[in-house]
PDB file of N, CA and C in Angstrom:
ATOM      1  N   MET A   1      22.125  -6.095  27.955  1.00  0.00           N
ATOM      2  CA  MET A   1      20.967  -6.177  27.267  1.00  0.00           C
ATOM      3  C   MET A   1      20.040  -5.183  27.548  1.00  0.00           C
ATOM      4  N   ARG A   2      19.875  -4.846  28.836  1.00  0.00           N
ATOM      5  CA  ARG A   2      18.735  -3.987  29.338  1.00  0.00           C
ATOM      6  C   ARG A   2      19.244  -2.545  28.708  1.00  0.00           C
ATOM      7  N   PHE A   3      20.493  -2.325  28.864  1.00  0.00           N
ATOM      8  CA  PHE A   3      20.791  -0.899  28.390  1.00  0.00           C
ATOM      9  C   PHE A   3      20.361  -0.768  26.926  1.00  0.00           C
ATOM     10  N   ALA A   4      20.747  -1.632  26.101  1.00  0.00           N
ATOM     11  CA  ALA A   4      20.473  -1.707  24.662  1.00  0.00           C
ATOM     12  C   ALA A   4      19.015  -1.614  24.442  1.00  0.00           C
ATOM     13  N   CYS A   5      18.238  -2.078  25.254  1.00  0.00           N
ATOM     14  CA  CYS A   5      16.747  -2.022  25.238  1.00  0.00           C
ATOM     15  C   CYS A   5      16.193  -0.743  25.602  1.00  0.00           C
ATOM     16  N   TYR A   6      16.803  -0.112  26.482  1.00  0.00           N
ATOM     17  CA  TYR A   6      16.467   1.284  26.888  1.00  0.00           C
ATOM     18  C   TYR A   6      17.019   2.310  25.896  1.00  0.00           C
ATOM     19  N   CYS A   7      18.133   2.035  25.366  1.00  0.00           N
ATOM     20  CA  CYS A   7      18.835   2.939  24.524  1.00  0.00           C
ATOM     21  C   CYS A   7      18.175   2.964  23.010  1.00  0.00           C
ATOM     22  N   CYS A   8      17.675   1.830  22.552  1.00  0.00           N
ATOM     23  CA  CYS A   8      17.237   1.742  21.233  1.00  0.00           C
ATOM     24  C   CYS A   8      15.908   1.002  21.242  1.00  0.00           C
ATOM     25  N   PRO A   9      14.849   1.653  21.862  1.00  0.00           N
ATOM     26  CA  PRO A   9      13.601   0.942  21.826  1.00  0.00           C
ATOM     27  C   PRO A   9      12.987   0.786  20.531  1.00  0.00           C
ATOM     28  N   MET A  10      12.304  -0.456  20.294  1.00  0.00           N
ATOM     29  CA  MET A  10      11.631  -0.810  19.115  1.00  0.00           C
ATOM     30  C   MET A  10      10.348  -0.090  19.041  1.00  0.00           C
ATOM     31  N   LYS A  11       9.806  -0.019  17.910  1.00  0.00           N
ATOM     32  CA  LYS A  11       8.363   0.413  17.766  1.00  0.00           C
ATOM     33  C   LYS A  11       7.560  -0.550  18.464  1.00  0.00           C
ATOM     34  N   GLN A  12       6.447   0.112  19.020  1.00  0.00           N
ATOM     35  CA  GLN A  12       5.563  -0.866  19.671  1.00  0.00           C
ATOM     36  C   GLN A  12       4.823  -1.655  18.718  1.00  0.00           C
ATOM     37  N   GLY A  13       4.648  -3.070  19.060  1.00  0.00           N
ATOM     38  CA  GLY A  13       4.164  -3.996  18.080  1.00  0.00           C
ATOM     39  C   GLY A  13       5.075  -4.556  17.113  1.00  0.00           C
ATOM     40  N   THR A  14       6.405  -4.345  17.379  1.00  0.00           N
ATOM     41  CA  THR A  14       7.344  -5.058  16.459  1.00  0.00           C
ATOM     42  C   THR A  14       8.284  -6.095  17.344  1.00  0.00           C
ATOM     43  N   THR A  15       8.771  -6.848  16.659  1.00  0.00           N
ATOM     44  CA  THR A  15       9.875  -7.758  17.215  1.00  0.00           C
ATOM     45  C   THR A  15      10.941  -7.981  16.398  1.00  0.00           C
ATOM     46  N   VAL A  16      12.027  -8.615  16.884  1.00  0.00           N
ATOM     47  CA  VAL A  16      13.281  -8.937  16.277  1.00  0.00           C
ATOM     48  C   VAL A  16      13.095 -10.347  15.712  1.00  0.00           C
ATOM     49  N   LEU A  17      13.493 -10.363  14.343  1.00  0.00           N
ATOM     50  CA  LEU A  17      13.601 -11.654  13.652  1.00  0.00           C
ATOM     51  C   LEU A  17      14.997 -11.946  13.145  1.00  0.00           C
ATOM     52  N   GLN A  18      15.615 -12.971  13.596  1.00  0.00           N
ATOM     53  CA  GLN A  18      17.001 -13.146  13.046  1.00  0.00           C
ATOM     54  C   GLN A  18      16.921 -14.454  12.259  1.00  0.00           C
ATOM     55  N   VAL A  19      17.555 -14.159  10.864  1.00  0.00           N
ATOM     56  CA  VAL A  19      17.577 -15.206   9.901  1.00  0.00           C
ATOM     57  C   VAL A  19      19.055 -15.704   9.871  1.00  0.00           C
ATOM     58  N   ARG A  20      19.263 -16.903  10.142  1.00  0.00           N
ATOM     59  CA  ARG A  20      20.860 -17.383  10.197  1.00  0.00           C
ATOM     60  C   ARG A  20      20.829 -18.168   8.686  1.00  0.00           C
ATOM     61  N   GLY A  21      22.263 -18.318   8.387  1.00  0.00           N
ATOM     62  CA  GLY A  21      22.463 -19.166   7.304  1.00  0.00           C
ATOM     63  C   GLY A  21      22.272 -18.454   5.950  1.00  0.00           C
ATOM     64  N   ILE A  22      21.909 -17.167   5.851  1.00  0.00           N
ATOM     65  CA  ILE A  22      21.870 -16.601   4.481  1.00  0.00           C
ATOM     66  C   ILE A  22      23.184 -16.476   3.826  1.00  0.00           C
ATOM     67  N   PRO A  23      23.303 -17.048   2.589  1.00  0.00           N
ATOM     68  CA  PRO A  23      24.399 -16.841   1.691  1.00  0.00           C
ATOM     69  C   PRO A  23      24.751 -15.582   1.559  1.00  0.00           C
ATOM     70  N   VAL A  24      26.046 -15.156   1.590  1.00  0.00           N
ATOM     71  CA  VAL A  24      26.695 -13.913   1.491  1.00  0.00           C
ATOM     72  C   VAL A  24      26.046 -13.281   0.119  1.00  0.00           C
ATOM     73  N   SER A  25      26.067 -14.090  -0.894  1.00  0.00           N
ATOM     74  CA  SER A  25      25.645 -13.363  -2.314  1.00  0.00           C
ATOM     75  C   SER A  25      24.300 -13.070  -2.176  1.00  0.00           C
ATOM     76  N   LEU A  26      23.376 -13.861  -1.494  1.00  0.00           N
ATOM     77  CA  LEU A  26      21.910 -13.613  -1.317  1.00  0.00           C
ATOM     78  C   LEU A  26      21.679 -12.230  -0.666  1.00  0.00           C
ATOM     79  N   ARG A  27      22.617 -12.162   0.431  1.00  0.00           N
ATOM     80  CA  ARG A  27      22.324 -10.900   1.317  1.00  0.00           C
ATOM     81  C   ARG A  27      22.871  -9.601   0.547  1.00  0.00           C
ATOM     82  N   ASP A  28      23.956  -9.831  -0.274  1.00  0.00           N
ATOM     83  CA  ASP A  28      24.399  -8.750  -1.065  1.00  0.00           C
ATOM     84  C   ASP A  28      23.390  -8.377  -2.047  1.00  0.00           C
ATOM     85  N   ARG A  29      22.752  -9.253  -2.786  1.00  0.00           N
ATOM     86  CA  ARG A  29      21.502  -8.847  -3.702  1.00  0.00           C
ATOM     87  C   ARG A  29      20.557  -8.219  -3.102  1.00  0.00           C
ATOM     88  N   LEU A  30      20.009  -8.617  -1.999  1.00  0.00           N
ATOM     89  CA  LEU A  30      19.018  -8.024  -1.129  1.00  0.00           C
ATOM     90  C   LEU A  30      19.485  -6.537  -0.707  1.00  0.00           C
ATOM     91  N   ARG A  31      20.683  -6.440  -0.352  1.00  0.00           N
ATOM     92  CA  ARG A  31      21.222  -5.119   0.020  1.00  0.00           C
ATOM     93  C   ARG A  31      21.159  -4.126  -1.299  1.00  0.00           C
ATOM     94  N   ARG A  32      21.562  -4.629  -2.449  1.00  0.00           N
ATOM     95  CA  ARG A  32      21.534  -3.848  -3.558  1.00  0.00           C
ATOM     96  C   ARG A  32      20.085  -3.537  -3.913  1.00  0.00           C
ATOM     97  N   LYS A  33      19.089  -4.420  -4.013  1.00  0.00           N
ATOM     98  CA  LYS A  33      17.723  -4.055  -4.369  1.00  0.00           C
ATOM     99  C   LYS A  33      17.091  -3.099  -3.298  1.00  0.00           C
ATOM    100  N   ALA A  34      17.323  -3.263  -2.109  1.00  0.00           N
ATOM    101  CA  ALA A  34      16.966  -2.378  -1.083  1.00  0.00           C
ATOM    102  C   ALA A  34      17.451  -0.939  -1.416  1.00  0.00           C
ATOM    103  N   LYS A  35      18.628  -0.755  -1.667  1.00  0.00           N
ATOM    104  CA  LYS A  35      19.411   0.505  -1.929  1.00  0.00           C
ATOM    105  C   LYS A  35      18.696   0.979  -3.164  1.00  0.00           C
ATOM    106  N   ARG A  36      18.409   0.350  -4.182  1.00  0.00           N
ATOM    107  CA  ARG A  36      17.888   0.947  -5.485  1.00  0.00           C
ATOM    108  C   ARG A  36      16.481   1.416  -5.256  1.00  0.00           C
ATOM    109  N   GLN A  37      15.896   0.902  -4.134  1.00  0.00           N
ATOM    110  CA  GLN A  37      14.483   1.390  -3.809  1.00  0.00           C
ATOM    111  C   GLN A  37      14.576   2.584  -2.638  1.00  0.00           C
ATOM    112  N   ASN A  38      15.900   2.854  -2.319  1.00  0.00           N
ATOM    113  CA  ASN A  38      15.935   3.911  -1.180  1.00  0.00           C
ATOM    114  C   ASN A  38      15.368   3.388  -0.005  1.00  0.00           C
ATOM    115  N   ARG A  39      15.458   2.113   0.293  1.00  0.00           N
ATOM    116  CA  ARG A  39      14.828   1.566   1.626  1.00  0.00           C
ATOM    117  C   ARG A  39      16.044   0.618   2.200  1.00  0.00           C
ATOM    118  N   SER A  40      15.884   0.676   3.512  1.00  0.00           N
ATOM    119  CA  SER A  40      16.870  -0.188   4.304  1.00  0.00           C
ATOM    120  C   SER A  40      16.537  -1.721   3.855  1.00  0.00           C
ATOM    121  N   MET A  41      17.517  -2.510   4.162  1.00  0.00           N
ATOM    122  CA  MET A  41      17.427  -3.845   3.981  1.00  0.00           C
ATOM    123  C   MET A  41      16.383  -4.583   4.805  1.00  0.00           C
ATOM    124  N   SER A  42      16.323  -4.058   5.911  1.00  0.00           N
ATOM    125  CA  SER A  42      15.279  -4.605   6.934  1.00  0.00           C
ATOM    126  C   SER A  42      13.701  -4.248   6.310  1.00  0.00           C
ATOM    127  N   GLN A  43      13.481  -3.001   5.925  1.00  0.00           N
ATOM    128  CA  GLN A  43      12.323  -2.514   5.521  1.00  0.00           C
ATOM    129  C   GLN A  43      12.015  -3.398   4.142  1.00  0.00           C
ATOM    130  N   TYR A  44      13.080  -3.619   3.218  1.00  0.00           N
ATOM    131  CA  TYR A  44      12.847  -4.320   2.082  1.00  0.00           C
ATOM    132  C   TYR A  44      12.311  -5.705   2.399  1.00  0.00           C
ATOM    133  N   VAL A  45      13.050  -6.440   3.316  1.00  0.00           N
ATOM    134  CA  VAL A  45      12.565  -7.802   3.505  1.00  0.00           C
ATOM    135  C   VAL A  45      11.218  -7.755   4.334  1.00  0.00           C
ATOM    136  N   ILE A  46      11.117  -6.827   5.205  1.00  0.00           N
ATOM    137  CA  ILE A  46       9.612  -6.940   5.683  1.00  0.00           C
ATOM    138  C   ILE A  46       8.517  -6.760   4.680  1.00  0.00           C
ATOM    139  N   ASP A  47       8.696  -5.781   3.649  1.00  0.00           N
ATOM    140  CA  ASP A  47       7.849  -5.612   2.635  1.00  0.00           C
ATOM    141  C   ASP A  47       7.736  -7.149   1.833  1.00  0.00           C
ATOM    142  N   LEU A  48       8.804  -7.701   1.647  1.00  0.00           N
ATOM    143  CA  LEU A  48       8.716  -9.001   0.882  1.00  0.00           C
ATOM    144  C   LEU A  48       7.805 -10.118   1.578  1.00  0.00           C
ATOM    145  N   ILE A  49       8.171 -10.152   2.988  1.00  0.00           N
ATOM    146  CA  ILE A  49       7.364 -11.069   3.885  1.00  0.00           C
ATOM    147  C   ILE A  49       5.824 -10.686   4.014  1.00  0.00           C
ATOM    148  N   ALA A  50       5.634  -9.410   4.098  1.00  0.00           N
ATOM    149  CA  ALA A  50       4.251  -8.878   4.123  1.00  0.00           C
ATOM    150  C   ALA A  50       3.599  -9.358   2.710  1.00  0.00           C
ATOM    151  N   ALA A  51       4.083  -9.152   1.592  1.00  0.00           N
ATOM    152  CA  ALA A  51       3.527  -9.435   0.381  1.00  0.00           C
ATOM    153  C   ALA A  51       3.347 -10.862   0.353  1.00  0.00           C
ATOM    154  N   ASP A  52       4.259 -11.704   0.804  1.00  0.00           N
ATOM    155  CA  ASP A  52       3.992 -13.098   0.685  1.00  0.00           C
ATOM    156  C   ASP A  52       2.958 -13.738   1.631  1.00  0.00           C
ATOM    157  N   VAL A  53       2.723 -13.065   2.754  1.00  0.00           N
ATOM    158  CA  VAL A  53       1.766 -13.461   3.664  1.00  0.00           C
ATOM    159  C   VAL A  53       0.346 -13.042   3.135  1.00  0.00           C
ATOM    160  N   ARG A  54       0.300 -11.818   2.508  1.00  0.00           N
ATOM    161  CA  ARG A  54      -0.897 -11.362   1.983  1.00  0.00           C
ATOM    162  C   ARG A  54      -1.484 -12.496   0.925  1.00  0.00           C
ATOM    163  N   SER A  55      -0.607 -12.871   0.185  1.00  0.00           N
ATOM    164  CA  SER A  55      -1.072 -13.957  -1.021  1.00  0.00           C
ATOM    165  C   SER A  55      -1.473 -15.155  -0.427  1.00  0.00           C
ATOM    166  N   PRO A  56      -2.512 -15.774  -0.937  1.00  0.00           N
ATOM    167  CA  PRO A  56      -2.999 -17.197  -0.614  1.00  0.00           C
ATOM    168  C   PRO A  56      -2.012 -18.073  -1.085  1.00  0.00           C
ATOM    169  N   THR A  57      -1.916 -19.141  -0.394  1.00  0.00           N
ATOM    170  CA  THR A  57      -1.110 -20.359  -0.922  1.00  0.00           C
ATOM    171  C   THR A  57      -1.767 -20.992  -2.090  1.00  0.00           C
ATOM    172  N   LEU A  58      -1.154 -21.792  -2.786  1.00  0.00           N
ATOM    173  CA  LEU A  58      -1.873 -22.418  -3.808  1.00  0.00           C
ATOM    174  C   LEU A  58      -3.085 -23.244  -3.388  1.00  0.00           C
ATOM    175  N   ASP A  59      -3.060 -24.006  -2.336  1.00  0.00           N
ATOM    176  CA  ASP A  59      -4.089 -24.840  -1.789  1.00  0.00           C
ATOM    177  C   ASP A  59      -5.330 -23.903  -1.269  1.00  0.00           C
ATOM    178  N   GLU A  60      -4.826 -22.725  -0.837  1.00  0.00           N
ATOM    179  CA  GLU A  60      -5.975 -21.752  -0.322  1.00  0.00           C
ATOM    180  C   GLU A  60      -6.765 -21.207  -1.523  1.00  0.00           C
ATOM    181  N   TRP A  61      -5.960 -20.847  -2.529  1.00  0.00           N
ATOM    182  CA  TRP A  61      -6.534 -20.294  -3.740  1.00  0.00           C
ATOM    183  C   TRP A  61      -7.403 -21.271  -4.468  1.00  0.00           C
ATOM    184  N   LEU A  62      -6.976 -22.517  -4.510  1.00  0.00           N
ATOM    185  CA  LEU A  62      -7.609 -23.655  -5.286  1.00  0.00           C
ATOM    186  C   LEU A  62      -9.062 -23.870  -4.533  1.00  0.00           C
ATOM    187  N   ALA A  63      -8.975 -23.977  -3.092  1.00  0.00           N
ATOM    188  CA  ALA A  63     -10.142 -24.019  -2.262  1.00  0.00           C
ATOM    189  C   ALA A  63     -11.180 -22.995  -2.495  1.00  0.00           C
ATOM    190  N   GLU A  64     -10.621 -21.735  -2.568  1.00  0.00           N
ATOM    191  CA  GLU A  64     -11.592 -20.675  -2.936  1.00  0.00           C
ATOM    192  C   GLU A  64     -12.193 -20.898  -4.233  1.00  0.00           C
ATOM    193  N   VAL A  65     -11.353 -21.099  -5.139  1.00  0.00           N
ATOM    194  CA  VAL A  65     -12.020 -21.276  -6.676  1.00  0.00           C
ATOM    195  C   VAL A  65     -12.958 -22.341  -6.691  1.00  0.00           C
ATOM    196  N   ARG A  66     -12.593 -23.535  -6.071  1.00  0.00           N
ATOM    197  CA  ARG A  66     -13.501 -24.695  -5.983  1.00  0.00           C
ATOM    198  C   ARG A  66     -14.833 -24.340  -5.228  1.00  0.00           C
ATOM    199  N   SER A  67     -14.862 -23.617  -4.253  1.00  0.00           N
ATOM    200  CA  SER A  67     -16.032 -23.330  -3.410  1.00  0.00           C
ATOM    201  C   SER A  67     -16.998 -22.309  -4.133  1.00  0.00           C
ATOM    202  N   GLY A  68     -16.555 -21.708  -5.254  1.00  0.00           N
ATOM    203  CA  GLY A  68     -17.552 -20.836  -6.042  1.00  0.00           C
ATOM    204  C   GLY A  68     -18.398 -21.717  -7.027  1.00  0.00           C
ATOM    205  N   PRO A  69     -19.345 -21.016  -7.623  1.00  0.00           N
ATOM    206  CA  PRO A  69     -20.183 -21.792  -8.501  1.00  0.00           C
ATOM    207  C   PRO A  69     -19.298 -22.169  -9.731  1.00  0.00           C
ATOM    208  N   ARG A  70     -19.818 -23.273 -10.482  1.00  0.00           N
ATOM    209  CA  ARG A  70     -19.278 -23.808 -11.606  1.00  0.00           C
ATOM    210  C   ARG A  70     -19.667 -22.976 -12.677  1.00  0.00           C
ATOM    211  N   THR A  71     -18.909 -22.700 -13.686  1.00  0.00           N
ATOM    212  CA  THR A  71     -19.168 -22.068 -14.947  1.00  0.00           C
ATOM    213  C   THR A  71     -19.283 -23.005 -16.063  1.00  0.00           C
ATOM    214  N   HIS A  72     -20.306 -22.928 -16.870  1.00  0.00           N
ATOM    215  CA  HIS A  72     -20.413 -23.848 -18.076  1.00  0.00           C
ATOM    216  C   HIS A  72     -20.275 -23.134 -19.329  1.00  0.00           C
ATOM    217  N   LEU A  73     -19.318 -23.276 -20.030  1.00  0.00           N
ATOM    218  CA  LEU A  73     -19.200 -22.507 -21.349  1.00  0.00           C
ATOM    219  C   LEU A  73     -19.530 -23.194 -22.353  1.00  0.00           C
ATOM    220  N   ASP A  74     -20.061 -22.609 -23.444  1.00  0.00           N
ATOM    221  CA  ASP A  74     -20.573 -23.174 -24.774  1.00  0.00           C
ATOM    222  C   ASP A  74     -19.585 -23.416 -25.720  1.00  0.00           C
ATOM    223  N   ILE A  75     -18.298 -23.100 -25.338  1.00  0.00           N
ATOM    224  CA  ILE A  75     -17.149 -23.301 -26.194  1.00  0.00           C
ATOM    225  C   ILE A  75     -15.907 -23.560 -25.261  1.00  0.00           C
ATOM    226  N   PRO A  76     -14.980 -24.391 -25.791  1.00  0.00           N
ATOM    227  CA  PRO A  76     -13.792 -24.753 -25.190  1.00  0.00           C
ATOM    228  C   PRO A  76     -13.201 -23.426 -24.428  1.00  0.00           C
ATOM    229  N   ALA A  77     -12.698 -23.602 -23.184  1.00  0.00           N
ATOM    230  CA  ALA A  77     -11.971 -22.550 -22.379  1.00  0.00           C
ATOM    231  C   ALA A  77     -10.901 -21.915 -23.307  1.00  0.00           C
ATOM    232  N   ALA A  78     -10.002 -22.812 -23.888  1.00  0.00           N
ATOM    233  CA  ALA A  78      -8.896 -22.151 -24.752  1.00  0.00           C
ATOM    234  C   ALA A  78      -9.311 -21.327 -25.685  1.00  0.00           C
ATOM    235  N   GLN A  79     -10.495 -21.634 -26.296  1.00  0.00           N
ATOM    236  CA  GLN A  79     -11.090 -20.678 -27.454  1.00  0.00           C
ATOM    237  C   GLN A  79     -11.642 -19.453 -26.902  1.00  0.00           C
ATOM    238  N   ALA A  80     -12.222 -19.566 -25.691  1.00  0.00           N
ATOM    239  CA  ALA A  80     -12.771 -18.365 -24.873  1.00  0.00           C
ATOM    240  C   ALA A  80     -11.646 -17.284 -24.741  1.00  0.00           C
ATOM    241  N   LEU A  81     -10.539 -17.906 -24.026  1.00  0.00           N
ATOM    242  CA  LEU A  81      -9.344 -17.168 -23.790  1.00  0.00           C
ATOM    243  C   LEU A  81      -8.818 -16.453 -25.040  1.00  0.00           C
ATOM    244  N   HIS A  82      -8.673 -17.138 -26.118  1.00  0.00           N
ATOM    245  CA  HIS A  82      -8.065 -16.715 -27.467  1.00  0.00           C
ATOM    246  C   HIS A  82      -8.953 -15.614 -27.732  1.00  0.00           C
ATOM    247  N   GLU A  83     -10.288 -15.753 -27.719  1.00  0.00           N
ATOM    248  CA  GLU A  83     -11.236 -14.703 -28.174  1.00  0.00           C
ATOM    249  C   GLU A  83     -11.165 -13.445 -27.282  1.00  0.00           C
ATOM    250  N   ALA A  84     -11.068 -13.625 -25.961  1.00  0.00           N
ATOM    251  CA  ALA A  84     -10.948 -12.442 -25.048  1.00  0.00           C
ATOM    252  C   ALA A  84      -9.499 -11.766 -25.217  1.00  0.00           C
ATOM    253  N   ARG A  85      -8.600 -12.453 -25.634  1.00  0.00           N
ATOM    254  CA  ARG A  85      -7.241 -11.834 -25.839  1.00  0.00           C
ATOM    255  C   ARG A  85      -7.310 -11.089 -27.153  1.00  0.00           C
ATOM    256  N   ALA A  86      -7.975 -11.686 -28.060  1.00  0.00           N
ATOM    257  CA  ALA A  86      -8.027 -11.070 -29.362  1.00  0.00           C
ATOM    258  C   ALA A  86      -8.813  -9.762 -29.368  1.00  0.00           C
ATOM    259  N   GLU A  87      -9.834  -9.719 -28.311  1.00  0.00           N
ATOM    260  CA  GLU A  87     -10.639  -8.362 -28.170  1.00  0.00           C
ATOM    261  C   GLU A  87      -9.714  -7.360 -27.498  1.00  0.00           C
ATOM    262  N   GLU A  88      -8.887  -7.725 -26.577  1.00  0.00           N
ATOM    263  CA  GLU A  88      -7.913  -6.777 -25.812  1.00  0.00           C
ATOM    264  C   GLU A  88      -7.014  -6.197 -26.823  1.00  0.00           C
ATOM    265  N   SER A  89      -6.431  -7.002 -27.516  1.00  0.00           N
ATOM    266  CA  SER A  89      -5.263  -6.563 -28.534  1.00  0.00           C
ATOM    267  C   SER A  89      -5.763  -7.117 -29.795  1.00  0.00           C
ATOM    268  N   PRO A  90      -6.250  -6.372 -30.742  1.00  0.00           N
ATOM    269  CA  PRO A  90      -6.643  -6.934 -32.094  1.00  0.00           C
ATOM    270  C   PRO A  90      -5.538  -7.259 -32.976  1.00  0.00           C
ATOM    271  N   ASP A  91      -4.280  -6.796 -32.720  1.00  0.00           N
ATOM    272  CA  ASP A  91      -3.236  -7.333 -33.564  1.00  0.00           C
ATOM    273  C   ASP A  91      -2.617  -8.739 -33.334  1.00  0.00           C
ATOM    274  N   ARG A  92      -3.293  -9.507 -32.520  1.00  0.00           N
ATOM    275  CA  ARG A  92      -2.855 -10.783 -32.224  1.00  0.00           C
ATOM    276  C   ARG A  92      -3.392 -11.739 -33.319  1.00  0.00           C
TER     277      ARG A  92
END
């Protein structure tokens, strides 16, 4: 193991993560998606994990929304959404 560590040093600040039990069909789909984007499968999975970690969980998002000021509408929310969408694309 020492030889491998000296032979193939990892970038500083990185670590190895091994995921076991991935179905072959899922691995193959990951490999194809990574290849289509000209990335290694490792980089593709790292990017997926990073995007997931950046996104708040549903509970975090709800807590943030609930912590803000309440908005009182003069019309029902559904009607406000319908009108806003109609302004964006008049053909609706």
